[in-house]
Amino acid sequence: MSTEAHEQREQLSAELRDEPPESFGQLAPQRLAALTQALKRERESRAAGLNEAAEEALKLVPALARGPVRRILFR
């Protein structure tokens, strides 16, 4: 495995928070990089969606209590 492929596999492992399947070792470094970036974008998208949902849910809390509730939930 080339150094570039090894680096890409390490980055993919970090993004997955686990070791990728052995078969991923057959992928070209460019494919590993593309997969890593796609996973990263998806994780960021989901996080943004969760933040939006939390902010929408806070609208159900009375206005005077929103600040303290936000601080408690999102430390």
Protein backbone atom coordinates (compact mmCIF):
# COMPACT_ATOMS: atom_id res chain seq x y z
CA MET A 1 0.00 0.00 0.00
CA SER A 2 1.42 3.37 -0.98
CA THR A 3 1.97 6.17 1.50
CA GLU A 4 -0.86 8.18 -0.06
CA ALA A 5 -3.25 5.23 0.16
CA HIS A 6 -2.22 4.64 3.77
CA GLU A 7 -2.85 8.31 4.64
CA GLN A 8 -6.25 8.24 2.93
CA ARG A 9 -7.17 5.05 4.78
CA GLU A 10 -6.16 6.70 8.08
CA GLN A 11 -8.35 9.71 7.31
CA LEU A 12 -11.26 7.43 6.41
CA SER A 13 -10.76 5.53 9.67
CA ALA A 14 -10.88 8.79 11.59
CA GLU A 15 -14.09 9.84 9.85
CA LEU A 16 -15.71 6.44 10.39
CA ARG A 17 -14.40 6.31 13.96
CA ASP A 18 -13.55 2.69 13.19
CA GLU A 19 -11.45 0.66 10.79
CA PRO A 20 -12.89 0.47 7.27
CA PRO A 21 -13.56 -2.98 5.80
CA GLU A 22 -10.52 -4.79 4.38
CA SER A 23 -11.97 -4.56 0.87
CA PHE A 24 -11.51 -0.78 0.98
CA GLY A 25 -7.78 -1.42 0.70
CA GLN A 26 -8.37 -2.19 -2.97
CA LEU A 27 -9.69 1.31 -3.66
CA ALA A 28 -7.52 3.95 -5.27
CA PRO A 29 -6.40 6.77 -2.93
CA GLN A 30 -8.61 9.22 -4.87
CA ARG A 31 -11.66 7.03 -4.21
CA LEU A 32 -10.81 6.81 -0.51
CA ALA A 33 -10.48 10.60 -0.39
CA ALA A 34 -13.82 11.05 -2.16
CA LEU A 35 -15.51 8.65 0.26
CA THR A 36 -13.97 10.41 3.25
CA GLN A 37 -15.16 13.81 2.01
CA ALA A 38 -18.67 12.49 1.32
CA LEU A 39 -18.89 11.07 4.85
CA LYS A 40 -17.62 14.32 6.32
CA ARG A 41 -20.17 16.40 4.38
CA GLU A 42 -22.99 14.07 5.45
CA ARG A 43 -21.96 14.25 9.11
CA GLU A 44 -21.83 18.06 8.93
CA SER A 45 -25.22 18.17 7.20
CA ARG A 46 -26.81 16.01 9.87
CA ALA A 47 -25.27 18.10 12.63
CA ALA A 48 -26.63 21.27 11.03
CA GLY A 49 -30.06 19.65 10.74
CA LEU A 50 -30.00 18.68 14.40
CA ASN A 51 -29.02 22.22 15.39
CA GLU A 52 -31.89 23.65 13.32
CA ALA A 53 -34.33 21.19 14.88
CA ALA A 54 -33.14 22.12 18.38
CA GLU A 55 -33.59 25.82 17.65
CA GLU A 56 -37.10 25.15 16.32
CA ALA A 57 -37.91 23.16 19.45
CA LEU A 58 -36.75 26.07 21.61
CA LYS A 59 -39.51 28.18 20.06
CA LEU A 60 -41.94 26.06 22.09
CA VAL A 61 -40.27 27.28 25.30
CA PRO A 62 -41.57 30.59 26.68
CA ALA A 63 -39.38 33.51 25.57
CA LEU A 64 -38.14 34.38 29.07
CA ALA A 65 -36.94 30.81 29.67
CA ARG A 66 -35.23 30.26 26.29
CA GLY A 67 -31.85 31.66 27.33
CA PRO A 68 -31.48 29.50 30.45
CA VAL A 69 -32.86 26.43 28.67
CA ARG A 70 -30.45 26.95 25.77
CA ARG A 71 -27.50 27.25 28.18
CA ILE A 72 -28.55 24.11 30.04
CA LEU A 73 -29.03 22.02 26.89
CA PHE A 74 -26.12 23.28 24.79
CA ARG A 75 -23.22 23.75 27.19
